[in-house]
C-alpha cells in the first residue's frame, strides 16, 4: 500500500496517477467521496439537513424491485409487483435457472 503523496517505486514501469474510489489522503485526512458522503449523512442525522440519501422506505422499495428482477430472471417470466417474501421461496416443480 502506498502512503500519502506520490512516491514512485523504481520497480514499477508504469504508474496510473489518480484517485482511488473512497478518496485520497491529504494532510493526514481522507478527502473525497467517502468523506463527503459520511459528513452529509451525519449532518442529516444530527441537524436534519436534506441530503441525497435514500430513506429506509425508499431503500426497501429499491431492494424489493431488484429482488423482483432477480426472481423474474430465475423464473424466466414476468412477476407481478410488488413482490412479497413468499414470492421468493422456490415453488414445488419450479426449477431455478442455474
PDB file of N, CA and C in Angstrom:
ATOM      1  N   UNK A   1       0.846  -1.184   0.000  1.00  0.00           N
ATOM      2  CA  UNK A   1       0.000   0.000   0.000  1.00  0.00           C
ATOM      3  C   UNK A   1       0.884   1.236   0.000  1.00  0.00           C
ATOM      4  N   UNK A   2       0.550   2.133  -0.856  1.00  0.00           N
ATOM      5  CA  UNK A   2       1.310   3.368  -0.976  1.00  0.00           C
ATOM      6  C   UNK A   2       0.720   4.406  -0.033  1.00  0.00           C
ATOM      7  N   UNK A   3       1.537   5.084   0.704  1.00  0.00           N
ATOM      8  CA  UNK A   3       1.077   6.080   1.670  1.00  0.00           C
ATOM      9  C   UNK A   3       0.711   7.398   1.021  1.00  0.00           C
ATOM     10  N   UNK A   4       0.653   8.421   1.862  1.00  0.00           N
ATOM     11  CA  UNK A   4       0.269   9.756   1.421  1.00  0.00           C
ATOM     12  C   UNK A   4       1.258  10.304   0.400  1.00  0.00           C
ATOM     13  N   UNK A   5       0.735  10.998  -0.600  1.00  0.00           N
ATOM     14  CA  UNK A   5       1.581  11.613  -1.613  1.00  0.00           C
ATOM     15  C   UNK A   5       2.058  10.605  -2.640  1.00  0.00           C
ATOM     16  N   UNK A   6       2.812  11.063  -3.601  1.00  0.00           N
ATOM     17  CA  UNK A   6       3.304  10.190  -4.658  1.00  0.00           C
ATOM     18  C   UNK A   6       4.776   9.911  -4.425  1.00  0.00           C
ATOM     19  N   UNK A   7       5.096   8.673  -4.203  1.00  0.00           N
ATOM     20  CA  UNK A   7       6.478   8.239  -4.024  1.00  0.00           C
ATOM     21  C   UNK A   7       6.702   7.085  -4.983  1.00  0.00           C
ATOM     22  N   UNK A   8       7.229   7.358  -6.185  1.00  0.00           N
ATOM     23  CA  UNK A   8       7.351   6.305  -7.190  1.00  0.00           C
ATOM     24  C   UNK A   8       8.238   5.149  -6.735  1.00  0.00           C
ATOM     25  N   UNK A   9       7.798   3.974  -7.066  1.00  0.00           N
ATOM     26  CA  UNK A   9       8.555   2.755  -6.784  1.00  0.00           C
ATOM     27  C   UNK A   9       9.380   2.464  -8.031  1.00  0.00           C
ATOM     28  N   UNK A  10      10.684   2.392  -7.894  1.00  0.00           N
ATOM     29  CA  UNK A  10      11.570   2.195  -9.040  1.00  0.00           C
ATOM     30  C   UNK A  10      11.304   0.883  -9.767  1.00  0.00           C
ATOM     31  N   UNK A  11      10.734  -0.109  -9.086  1.00  0.00           N
ATOM     32  CA  UNK A  11      10.467  -1.405  -9.709  1.00  0.00           C
ATOM     33  C   UNK A  11       9.280  -1.336 -10.669  1.00  0.00           C
ATOM     34  N   UNK A  12       8.443  -0.331 -10.512  1.00  0.00           N
ATOM     35  CA  UNK A  12       7.272  -0.212 -11.392  1.00  0.00           C
ATOM     36  C   UNK A  12       7.661   0.480 -12.691  1.00  0.00           C
ATOM     37  N   UNK A  13       7.148  -0.033 -13.784  1.00  0.00           N
ATOM     38  CA  UNK A  13       7.448   0.565 -15.080  1.00  0.00           C
ATOM     39  C   UNK A  13       6.371   1.562 -15.505  1.00  0.00           C
ATOM     40  N   UNK A  14       5.170   1.396 -14.962  1.00  0.00           N
ATOM     41  CA  UNK A  14       4.059   2.280 -15.315  1.00  0.00           C
ATOM     42  C   UNK A  14       3.297   2.615 -14.041  1.00  0.00           C
ATOM     43  N   UNK A  15       2.913   3.860 -13.891  1.00  0.00           N
ATOM     44  CA  UNK A  15       2.057   4.281 -12.786  1.00  0.00           C
ATOM     45  C   UNK A  15       0.855   5.001 -13.363  1.00  0.00           C
ATOM     46  N   UNK A  16      -0.308   4.713 -12.840  1.00  0.00           N
ATOM     47  CA  UNK A  16      -1.521   5.409 -13.236  1.00  0.00           C
ATOM     48  C   UNK A  16      -1.890   6.346 -12.097  1.00  0.00           C
ATOM     49  N   UNK A  17      -1.696   7.623 -12.312  1.00  0.00           N
ATOM     50  CA  UNK A  17      -1.979   8.594 -11.265  1.00  0.00           C
ATOM     51  C   UNK A  17      -3.471   8.883 -11.230  1.00  0.00           C
ATOM     52  N   UNK A  18      -4.009   9.005 -10.058  1.00  0.00           N
ATOM     53  CA  UNK A  18      -5.423   9.323  -9.910  1.00  0.00           C
ATOM     54  C   UNK A  18      -5.912   8.910  -8.548  1.00  0.00           C
ATOM     55  N   UNK A  19      -7.177   9.065  -8.350  1.00  0.00           N
ATOM     56  CA  UNK A  19      -7.780   8.754  -7.055  1.00  0.00           C
ATOM     57  C   UNK A  19      -8.206   7.304  -6.996  1.00  0.00           C
ATOM     58  N   UNK A  20      -8.341   6.807  -5.793  1.00  0.00           N
ATOM     59  CA  UNK A  20      -8.986   5.516  -5.623  1.00  0.00           C
ATOM     60  C   UNK A  20     -10.385   5.800  -5.091  1.00  0.00           C
ATOM     61  N   UNK A  21     -11.347   4.895  -5.275  1.00  0.00           N
ATOM     62  CA  UNK A  21     -12.763   5.199  -5.050  1.00  0.00           C
ATOM     63  C   UNK A  21     -13.127   5.921  -3.749  1.00  0.00           C
ATOM     64  N   UNK A  22     -12.606   5.528  -2.573  1.00  0.00           N
ATOM     65  CA  UNK A  22     -13.024   6.257  -1.374  1.00  0.00           C
ATOM     66  C   UNK A  22     -12.503   7.691  -1.325  1.00  0.00           C
ATOM     67  N   UNK A  23     -11.407   7.970  -2.003  1.00  0.00           N
ATOM     68  CA  UNK A  23     -10.806   9.295  -1.979  1.00  0.00           C
ATOM     69  C   UNK A  23      -9.306   9.184  -1.811  1.00  0.00           C
ATOM     70  N   UNK A  24      -8.690  10.268  -1.411  1.00  0.00           N
ATOM     71  CA  UNK A  24      -7.244  10.296  -1.220  1.00  0.00           C
ATOM     72  C   UNK A  24      -6.918  10.862   0.154  1.00  0.00           C
ATOM     73  N   UNK A  25      -5.765  10.487   0.670  1.00  0.00           N
ATOM     74  CA  UNK A  25      -5.295  11.031   1.932  1.00  0.00           C
ATOM     75  C   UNK A  25      -4.537  12.316   1.622  1.00  0.00           C
ATOM     76  N   UNK A  26      -4.947  13.409   2.247  1.00  0.00           N
ATOM     77  CA  UNK A  26      -4.257  14.686   2.103  1.00  0.00           C
ATOM     78  C   UNK A  26      -4.207  15.343   3.474  1.00  0.00           C
ATOM     79  N   UNK A  27      -3.042  15.793   3.853  1.00  0.00           N
ATOM     80  CA  UNK A  27      -2.843  16.429   5.160  1.00  0.00           C
ATOM     81  C   UNK A  27      -3.287  15.514   6.292  1.00  0.00           C
ATOM     82  N   UNK A  28      -3.080  14.214   6.084  1.00  0.00           N
ATOM     83  CA  UNK A  28      -3.391  13.239   7.121  1.00  0.00           C
ATOM     84  C   UNK A  28      -4.858  12.865   7.248  1.00  0.00           C
ATOM     85  N   UNK A  29      -5.712  13.355   6.357  1.00  0.00           N
ATOM     86  CA  UNK A  29      -7.148  13.053   6.421  1.00  0.00           C
ATOM     87  C   UNK A  29      -7.644  12.543   5.077  1.00  0.00           C
ATOM     88  N   UNK A  30      -8.689  11.720   5.135  1.00  0.00           N
ATOM     89  CA  UNK A  30      -9.319  11.230   3.912  1.00  0.00           C
ATOM     90  C   UNK A  30     -10.125  12.355   3.279  1.00  0.00           C
ATOM     91  N   UNK A  31      -9.914  12.595   2.007  1.00  0.00           N
ATOM     92  CA  UNK A  31     -10.669  13.596   1.246  1.00  0.00           C
ATOM     93  C   UNK A  31     -11.281  12.882   0.056  1.00  0.00           C
ATOM     94  N   UNK A  32     -12.526  13.171  -0.237  1.00  0.00           N
ATOM     95  CA  UNK A  32     -13.148  12.575  -1.402  1.00  0.00           C
ATOM     96  C   UNK A  32     -14.541  12.079  -1.123  1.00  0.00           C
ATOM     97  N   UNK A  33     -15.079  11.246  -2.017  1.00  0.00           N
ATOM     98  CA  UNK A  33     -16.477  10.821  -1.954  1.00  0.00           C
ATOM     99  C   UNK A  33     -16.890  10.188  -0.630  1.00  0.00           C
ATOM    100  N   UNK A  34     -16.064   9.315  -0.070  1.00  0.00           N
ATOM    101  CA  UNK A  34     -16.472   8.628   1.156  1.00  0.00           C
ATOM    102  C   UNK A  34     -16.589   9.621   2.312  1.00  0.00           C
ATOM    103  N   UNK A  35     -15.643  10.527   2.417  1.00  0.00           N
ATOM    104  CA  UNK A  35     -15.701  11.529   3.485  1.00  0.00           C
ATOM    105  C   UNK A  35     -16.923  12.425   3.304  1.00  0.00           C
ATOM    106  N   UNK A  36     -17.141  12.890   2.077  1.00  0.00           N
ATOM    107  CA  UNK A  36     -18.271  13.783   1.822  1.00  0.00           C
ATOM    108  C   UNK A  36     -19.596  13.101   2.143  1.00  0.00           C
ATOM    109  N   UNK A  37     -19.748  11.859   1.719  1.00  0.00           N
ATOM    110  CA  UNK A  37     -20.993  11.144   1.978  1.00  0.00           C
ATOM    111  C   UNK A  37     -21.197  10.931   3.477  1.00  0.00           C
ATOM    112  N   UNK A  38     -20.125  10.590   4.179  1.00  0.00           N
ATOM    113  CA  UNK A  38     -20.219  10.383   5.628  1.00  0.00           C
ATOM    114  C   UNK A  38     -20.603  11.674   6.333  1.00  0.00           C
ATOM    115  N   UNK A  39     -19.975  12.789   5.960  1.00  0.00           N
ATOM    116  CA  UNK A  39     -20.306  14.074   6.579  1.00  0.00           C
ATOM    117  C   UNK A  39     -21.751  14.466   6.297  1.00  0.00           C
ATOM    118  N   UNK A  40     -22.224  14.252   5.067  1.00  0.00           N
ATOM    119  CA  UNK A  40     -23.609  14.583   4.733  1.00  0.00           C
ATOM    120  C   UNK A  40     -24.579  13.742   5.541  1.00  0.00           C
ATOM    121  N   UNK A  41     -24.280  12.452   5.670  1.00  0.00           N
ATOM    122  CA  UNK A  41     -25.160  11.558   6.429  1.00  0.00           C
ATOM    123  C   UNK A  41     -25.223  11.992   7.888  1.00  0.00           C
ATOM    124  N   UNK A  42     -24.068  12.318   8.467  1.00  0.00           N
ATOM    125  CA  UNK A  42     -24.047  12.773   9.863  1.00  0.00           C
ATOM    126  C   UNK A  42     -24.821  14.079  10.032  1.00  0.00           C
ATOM    127  N   UNK A  43     -24.692  15.006   9.075  1.00  0.00           N
ATOM    128  CA  UNK A  43     -25.457  16.253   9.133  1.00  0.00           C
ATOM    129  C   UNK A  43     -26.956  15.991   9.042  1.00  0.00           C
ATOM    130  N   UNK A  44     -27.341  15.017   8.231  1.00  0.00           N
ATOM    131  CA  UNK A  44     -28.761  14.673   8.123  1.00  0.00           C
ATOM    132  C   UNK A  44     -29.281  14.164   9.460  1.00  0.00           C
ATOM    133  N   UNK A  45     -28.516  13.280  10.094  1.00  0.00           N
ATOM    134  CA  UNK A  45     -28.940  12.715  11.368  1.00  0.00           C
ATOM    135  C   UNK A  45     -28.903  13.740  12.495  1.00  0.00           C
ATOM    136  N   UNK A  46     -27.845  14.542  12.544  1.00  0.00           N
ATOM    137  CA  UNK A  46     -27.645  15.459  13.665  1.00  0.00           C
ATOM    138  C   UNK A  46     -28.506  16.716  13.594  1.00  0.00           C
ATOM    139  N   UNK A  47     -28.612  17.312  12.407  1.00  0.00           N
ATOM    140  CA  UNK A  47     -29.316  18.598  12.313  1.00  0.00           C
ATOM    141  C   UNK A  47     -30.441  18.616  11.285  1.00  0.00           C
ATOM    142  N   UNK A  48     -30.746  17.467  10.694  1.00  0.00           N
ATOM    143  CA  UNK A  48     -31.889  17.383   9.790  1.00  0.00           C
ATOM    144  C   UNK A  48     -31.693  18.003   8.422  1.00  0.00           C
ATOM    145  N   UNK A  49     -30.447  18.157   7.989  1.00  0.00           N
ATOM    146  CA  UNK A  49     -30.166  18.709   6.661  1.00  0.00           C
ATOM    147  C   UNK A  49     -30.663  17.726   5.602  1.00  0.00           C
ATOM    148  N   UNK A  50     -31.305  18.232   4.563  1.00  0.00           N
ATOM    149  CA  UNK A  50     -31.758  17.382   3.463  1.00  0.00           C
ATOM    150  C   UNK A  50     -30.549  16.924   2.655  1.00  0.00           C
ATOM    151  N   UNK A  51     -30.491  15.637   2.354  1.00  0.00           N
ATOM    152  CA  UNK A  51     -29.395  15.082   1.558  1.00  0.00           C
ATOM    153  C   UNK A  51     -29.967  14.201   0.456  1.00  0.00           C
ATOM    154  N   UNK A  52     -29.073  13.691  -0.377  1.00  0.00           N
ATOM    155  CA  UNK A  52     -29.491  12.813  -1.474  1.00  0.00           C
ATOM    156  C   UNK A  52     -29.678  11.374  -1.024  1.00  0.00           C
ATOM    157  N   UNK A  53     -29.427  11.065   0.237  1.00  0.00           N
ATOM    158  CA  UNK A  53     -29.536   9.690   0.713  1.00  0.00           C
ATOM    159  C   UNK A  53     -30.979   9.198   0.668  1.00  0.00           C
ATOM    160  N   UNK A  54     -31.132   7.928   0.402  1.00  0.00           N
ATOM    161  CA  UNK A  54     -32.459   7.310   0.387  1.00  0.00           C
ATOM    162  C   UNK A  54     -32.962   7.135   1.816  1.00  0.00           C
ATOM    163  N   UNK A  55     -34.278   7.236   1.972  1.00  0.00           N
ATOM    164  CA  UNK A  55     -34.876   6.904   3.258  1.00  0.00           C
ATOM    165  C   UNK A  55     -34.914   5.385   3.367  1.00  0.00           C
ATOM    166  N   UNK A  56     -35.210   4.892   4.551  1.00  0.00           N
ATOM    167  CA  UNK A  56     -35.312   3.440   4.727  1.00  0.00           C
ATOM    168  C   UNK A  56     -36.403   2.881   3.818  1.00  0.00           C
ATOM    169  N   UNK A  57     -37.525   3.590   3.711  1.00  0.00           N
ATOM    170  CA  UNK A  57     -38.629   3.123   2.858  1.00  0.00           C
ATOM    171  C   UNK A  57     -38.211   3.098   1.387  1.00  0.00           C
ATOM    172  N   UNK A  58     -37.514   4.141   0.936  1.00  0.00           N
ATOM    173  CA  UNK A  58     -37.046   4.181  -0.454  1.00  0.00           C
ATOM    174  C   UNK A  58     -36.041   3.062  -0.726  1.00  0.00           C
ATOM    175  N   UNK A  59     -35.135   2.847   0.209  1.00  0.00           N
ATOM    176  CA  UNK A  59     -34.136   1.786   0.043  1.00  0.00           C
ATOM    177  C   UNK A  59     -34.807   0.422  -0.010  1.00  0.00           C
ATOM    178  N   UNK A  60     -35.801   0.200   0.846  1.00  0.00           N
ATOM    179  CA  UNK A  60     -36.512  -1.086   0.848  1.00  0.00           C
ATOM    180  C   UNK A  60     -37.256  -1.285  -0.468  1.00  0.00           C
ATOM    181  N   UNK A  61     -37.889  -0.224  -0.958  1.00  0.00           N
ATOM    182  CA  UNK A  61     -38.602  -0.307  -2.239  1.00  0.00           C
ATOM    183  C   UNK A  61     -37.649  -0.712  -3.362  1.00  0.00           C
ATOM    184  N   UNK A  62     -36.469  -0.103  -3.423  1.00  0.00           N
ATOM    185  CA  UNK A  62     -35.496  -0.431  -4.472  1.00  0.00           C
ATOM    186  C   UNK A  62     -34.950  -1.841  -4.303  1.00  0.00           C
ATOM    187  N   UNK A  63     -34.762  -2.261  -3.048  1.00  0.00           N
ATOM    188  CA  UNK A  63     -34.299  -3.625  -2.783  1.00  0.00           C
ATOM    189  C   UNK A  63     -35.317  -4.633  -3.300  1.00  0.00           C
ATOM    190  N   UNK A  64     -36.593  -4.416  -2.993  1.00  0.00           N
ATOM    191  CA  UNK A  64     -37.626  -5.355  -3.431  1.00  0.00           C
ATOM    192  C   UNK A  64     -37.765  -5.350  -4.956  1.00  0.00           C
ATOM    193  N   UNK A  65     -37.596  -4.193  -5.573  1.00  0.00           N
ATOM    194  CA  UNK A  65     -37.644  -4.125  -7.033  1.00  0.00           C
ATOM    195  C   UNK A  65     -36.483  -4.915  -7.637  1.00  0.00           C
ATOM    196  N   UNK A  66     -35.294  -4.778  -7.054  1.00  0.00           N
ATOM    197  CA  UNK A  66     -34.127  -5.525  -7.522  1.00  0.00           C
ATOM    198  C   UNK A  66     -34.335  -7.024  -7.335  1.00  0.00           C
ATOM    199  N   UNK A  67     -34.930  -7.408  -6.205  1.00  0.00           N
ATOM    200  CA  UNK A  67     -35.213  -8.826  -5.966  1.00  0.00           C
ATOM    201  C   UNK A  67     -36.243  -9.340  -6.974  1.00  0.00           C
ATOM    202  N   UNK A  68     -37.181  -8.488  -7.367  1.00  0.00           N
ATOM    203  CA  UNK A  68     -38.164  -8.887  -8.380  1.00  0.00           C
ATOM    204  C   UNK A  68     -37.472  -9.135  -9.719  1.00  0.00           C
ATOM    205  N   UNK A  69     -36.490  -8.293 -10.065  1.00  0.00           N
ATOM    206  CA  UNK A  69     -35.712  -8.522 -11.295  1.00  0.00           C
ATOM    207  C   UNK A  69     -35.057  -9.896 -11.244  1.00  0.00           C
ATOM    208  N   UNK A  70     -34.423 -10.192 -10.106  1.00  0.00           N
ATOM    209  CA  UNK A  70     -33.725 -11.463  -9.935  1.00  0.00           C
ATOM    210  C   UNK A  70     -34.702 -12.632 -10.020  1.00  0.00           C
ATOM    211  N   UNK A  71     -35.831 -12.510  -9.337  1.00  0.00           N
ATOM    212  CA  UNK A  71     -36.836 -13.575  -9.360  1.00  0.00           C
ATOM    213  C   UNK A  71     -37.357 -13.791 -10.777  1.00  0.00           C
ATOM    214  N   UNK A  72     -37.636 -12.714 -11.475  1.00  0.00           N
ATOM    215  CA  UNK A  72     -38.124 -12.807 -12.848  1.00  0.00           C
ATOM    216  C   UNK A  72     -37.102 -13.508 -13.741  1.00  0.00           C
ATOM    217  N   UNK A  73     -35.834 -13.181 -13.562  1.00  0.00           N
ATOM    218  CA  UNK A  73     -34.783 -13.822 -14.361  1.00  0.00           C
ATOM    219  C   UNK A  73     -34.690 -15.305 -14.044  1.00  0.00           C
ATOM    220  N   UNK A  74     -34.780 -15.648 -12.757  1.00  0.00           N
ATOM    221  CA  UNK A  74     -34.691 -17.062 -12.374  1.00  0.00           C
ATOM    222  C   UNK A  74     -35.876 -17.859 -12.903  1.00  0.00           C
ATOM    223  N   UNK A  75     -37.078 -17.263 -12.860  1.00  0.00           N
ATOM    224  CA  UNK A  75     -38.283 -17.971 -13.310  1.00  0.00           C
ATOM    225  C   UNK A  75     -38.488 -17.873 -14.816  1.00  0.00           C
ATOM    226  N   UNK A  76     -37.734 -16.974 -15.440  1.00  0.00           N
ATOM    227  CA  UNK A  76     -37.839 -16.738 -16.884  1.00  0.00           C
ATOM    228  C   UNK A  76     -39.255 -16.318 -17.288  1.00  0.00           C
ATOM    229  N   UNK A  77     -39.847 -15.459 -16.457  1.00  0.00           N
ATOM    230  CA  UNK A  77     -41.169 -14.898 -16.758  1.00  0.00           C
ATOM    231  C   UNK A  77     -41.360 -13.621 -15.950  1.00  0.00           C
ATOM    232  N   UNK A  78     -42.331 -12.838 -16.361  1.00  0.00           N
ATOM    233  CA  UNK A  78     -42.651 -11.617 -15.617  1.00  0.00           C
ATOM    234  C   UNK A  78     -43.266 -11.985 -14.269  1.00  0.00           C
ATOM    235  N   UNK A  79     -43.010 -11.176 -13.273  1.00  0.00           N
ATOM    236  CA  UNK A  79     -43.618 -11.387 -11.958  1.00  0.00           C
ATOM    237  C   UNK A  79     -44.411 -10.137 -11.595  1.00  0.00           C
ATOM    238  N   UNK A  80     -45.555 -10.317 -10.928  1.00  0.00           N
ATOM    239  CA  UNK A  80     -46.345  -9.147 -10.541  1.00  0.00           C
ATOM    240  C   UNK A  80     -45.652  -8.366  -9.422  1.00  0.00           C
ATOM    241  N   UNK A  81     -45.792  -7.050  -9.482  1.00  0.00           N
ATOM    242  CA  UNK A  81     -45.219  -6.180  -8.450  1.00  0.00           C
ATOM    243  C   UNK A  81     -46.331  -5.649  -7.563  1.00  0.00           C
ATOM    244  N   UNK A  82     -46.073  -5.380  -6.313  1.00  0.00           N
ATOM    245  CA  UNK A  82     -44.828  -5.645  -5.612  1.00  0.00           C
ATOM    246  C   UNK A  82     -44.734  -7.114  -5.231  1.00  0.00           C
ATOM    247  N   UNK A  83     -43.523  -7.608  -5.068  1.00  0.00           N
ATOM    248  CA  UNK A  83     -43.363  -8.993  -4.641  1.00  0.00           C
ATOM    249  C   UNK A  83     -43.380  -9.032  -3.118  1.00  0.00           C
ATOM    250  N   UNK A  84     -43.712 -10.185  -2.589  1.00  0.00           N
ATOM    251  CA  UNK A  84     -43.698 -10.407  -1.146  1.00  0.00           C
ATOM    252  C   UNK A  84     -42.620 -11.435  -0.844  1.00  0.00           C
ATOM    253  N   UNK A  85     -42.274 -11.561   0.406  1.00  0.00           N
ATOM    254  CA  UNK A  85     -41.240 -12.523   0.805  1.00  0.00           C
ATOM    255  C   UNK A  85     -41.602 -13.928   0.336  1.00  0.00           C
ATOM    256  N   UNK A  86     -42.895 -14.250   0.357  1.00  0.00           N
ATOM    257  CA  UNK A  86     -43.333 -15.590  -0.066  1.00  0.00           C
ATOM    258  C   UNK A  86     -43.028 -15.838  -1.540  1.00  0.00           C
ATOM    259  N   UNK A  87     -42.983 -14.778  -2.341  1.00  0.00           N
ATOM    260  CA  UNK A  87     -42.721 -14.910  -3.778  1.00  0.00           C
ATOM    261  C   UNK A  87     -41.327 -15.445  -4.053  1.00  0.00           C
ATOM    262  N   UNK A  88     -40.422 -15.221  -3.119  1.00  0.00           N
ATOM    263  CA  UNK A  88     -39.038 -15.610  -3.339  1.00  0.00           C
ATOM    264  C   UNK A  88     -38.765 -17.067  -3.024  1.00  0.00           C
ATOM    265  N   UNK A  89     -39.657 -17.702  -2.289  1.00  0.00           N
ATOM    266  CA  UNK A  89     -39.441 -19.103  -1.930  1.00  0.00           C
ATOM    267  C   UNK A  89     -39.625 -19.975  -3.161  1.00  0.00           C
ATOM    268  N   UNK A  90     -38.745 -20.951  -3.362  1.00  0.00           N
ATOM    269  CA  UNK A  90     -38.908 -21.846  -4.508  1.00  0.00           C
ATOM    270  C   UNK A  90     -40.231 -22.599  -4.413  1.00  0.00           C
ATOM    271  N   UNK A  91     -40.926 -22.691  -5.524  1.00  0.00           N
ATOM    272  CA  UNK A  91     -42.191 -23.423  -5.558  1.00  0.00           C
ATOM    273  C   UNK A  91     -41.937 -24.848  -6.013  1.00  0.00           C
ATOM    274  N   UNK A  92     -42.774 -25.750  -5.562  1.00  0.00           N
ATOM    275  CA  UNK A  92     -42.650 -27.154  -5.956  1.00  0.00           C
ATOM    276  C   UNK A  92     -42.820 -27.237  -7.470  1.00  0.00           C
ATOM    277  N   UNK A  93     -41.898 -27.915  -8.112  1.00  0.00           N
ATOM    278  CA  UNK A  93     -41.982 -28.097  -9.556  1.00  0.00           C
ATOM    279  C   UNK A  93     -41.359 -26.968 -10.356  1.00  0.00           C
ATOM    280  N   UNK A  94     -40.950 -25.885  -9.700  1.00  0.00           N
ATOM    281  CA  UNK A  94     -40.311 -24.777 -10.407  1.00  0.00           C
ATOM    282  C   UNK A  94     -38.818 -24.877 -10.162  1.00  0.00           C
ATOM    283  N   UNK A  95     -38.095 -24.990 -11.240  1.00  0.00           N
ATOM    284  CA  UNK A  95     -36.647 -25.129 -11.126  1.00  0.00           C
ATOM    285  C   UNK A  95     -35.994 -23.795 -11.445  1.00  0.00           C
ATOM    286  N   UNK A  96     -35.162 -23.323 -10.548  1.00  0.00           N
ATOM    287  CA  UNK A  96     -34.441 -22.075 -10.782  1.00  0.00           C
ATOM    288  C   UNK A  96     -33.363 -22.309 -11.827  1.00  0.00           C
ATOM    289  N   UNK A  97     -33.164 -21.300 -12.673  1.00  0.00           N
ATOM    290  CA  UNK A  97     -32.101 -21.397 -13.678  1.00  0.00           C
ATOM    291  C   UNK A  97     -30.762 -21.412 -12.968  1.00  0.00           C
ATOM    292  N   UNK A  98     -29.814 -22.161 -13.478  1.00  0.00           N
ATOM    293  CA  UNK A  98     -28.524 -22.154 -12.798  1.00  0.00           C
ATOM    294  C   UNK A  98     -27.460 -22.871 -13.487  1.00  0.00           C
TER     295      UNK A  98
END
